[in-house]
């Protein structure tokens, strides 16, 4: 499969992903999201590092904003 024809995402059964781990990682490095499925249902994803870093940063920022806005409620819950 060439880079030009590579889909933006793949779906691969977990059992198959084990056997094709190097290919799954190479796809993520090339910018493809690889969804891992079990019994046809998505259970996890292997994503490009930049996407994971962005998601981590966004979750931290949202968590900080939430705690700042709701500090009094959190303090009452902690008692």
Protein backbone atom coordinates (compact mmCIF):
# COMPACT_ATOMS: atom_id res chain seq x y z
CA UNK A 1 0.00 0.00 0.00
CA UNK A 2 1.46 3.33 -0.99
CA UNK A 3 1.39 6.46 1.16
CA UNK A 4 -0.97 8.11 -1.32
CA UNK A 5 -3.54 5.31 -1.03
CA UNK A 6 -3.18 4.83 2.73
CA UNK A 7 -6.44 5.56 4.55
CA UNK A 8 -6.50 8.04 7.38
CA UNK A 9 -7.52 5.18 9.64
CA UNK A 10 -7.49 1.40 9.70
CA UNK A 11 -9.48 -1.08 11.72
CA UNK A 12 -7.56 -4.19 12.71
CA UNK A 13 -8.65 -7.00 15.03
CA UNK A 14 -6.49 -7.18 18.16
CA UNK A 15 -5.44 -10.73 17.29
CA UNK A 16 -4.22 -9.58 13.88
CA UNK A 17 -2.55 -6.46 15.30
CA UNK A 18 -0.39 -8.69 17.50
CA UNK A 19 0.94 -10.42 14.41
CA UNK A 20 1.35 -7.13 12.49
CA UNK A 21 2.65 -4.90 15.30
CA UNK A 22 5.55 -3.49 13.26
CA UNK A 23 3.12 -2.54 10.46
CA UNK A 24 0.64 -1.00 12.94
CA UNK A 25 3.39 1.13 14.48
CA UNK A 26 4.73 2.16 11.06
CA UNK A 27 1.22 3.23 10.04
CA UNK A 28 0.87 5.38 13.17
CA UNK A 29 4.29 6.91 12.55
CA UNK A 30 3.09 7.79 9.04
CA UNK A 31 0.03 9.58 10.45
CA UNK A 32 -2.60 6.84 10.25
CA UNK A 33 -4.90 6.09 13.18
CA UNK A 34 -5.16 2.34 13.72
CA UNK A 35 -8.33 1.29 15.58
CA UNK A 36 -8.03 -2.07 17.29
CA UNK A 37 -11.21 -4.10 17.35
CA UNK A 38 -12.48 -7.06 19.33
CA UNK A 39 -15.56 -8.87 18.00
CA UNK A 40 -16.01 -6.02 15.51
CA UNK A 41 -16.13 -3.30 18.18
CA UNK A 42 -13.41 -0.66 18.56
CA UNK A 43 -11.60 -1.12 21.87
CA UNK A 44 -8.41 0.93 21.46
CA UNK A 45 -6.42 2.99 19.00
CA UNK A 46 -2.78 3.42 18.08
CA UNK A 47 -2.32 7.05 17.12
CA UNK A 48 0.56 9.20 15.89
CA UNK A 49 2.64 10.59 18.78
CA UNK A 50 1.74 14.20 17.96
CA UNK A 51 -1.94 13.35 18.31
CA UNK A 52 -1.38 11.67 21.67
CA UNK A 53 0.63 14.64 22.95
CA UNK A 54 -2.07 17.06 21.80
CA UNK A 55 -4.77 14.99 23.51
CA UNK A 56 -2.74 14.82 26.74
CA UNK A 57 -2.23 18.59 26.72
CA UNK A 58 -5.90 19.26 26.06
CA UNK A 59 -7.02 16.92 28.85
CA UNK A 60 -4.61 18.60 31.30
CA UNK A 61 -5.85 22.07 30.30
CA UNK A 62 -9.52 21.05 30.62
CA UNK A 63 -8.85 19.45 33.99
CA UNK A 64 -7.12 22.58 35.25
CA UNK A 65 -9.97 24.82 34.06
CA UNK A 66 -12.53 22.51 35.62
CA UNK A 67 -10.76 22.47 38.97
CA UNK A 68 -10.30 26.26 38.94
CA UNK A 69 -13.98 26.88 38.16
CA UNK A 70 -15.25 24.34 40.64
CA UNK A 71 -12.68 24.58 43.41
CA UNK A 72 -15.25 25.32 46.13
CA UNK A 73 -17.34 22.33 45.11
CA UNK A 74 -14.25 20.12 45.06
CA UNK A 75 -13.24 21.41 48.50
CA UNK A 76 -16.69 20.55 49.89
CA UNK A 77 -16.55 17.10 48.34
CA UNK A 78 -13.12 16.49 49.85
CA UNK A 79 -14.39 17.16 53.42
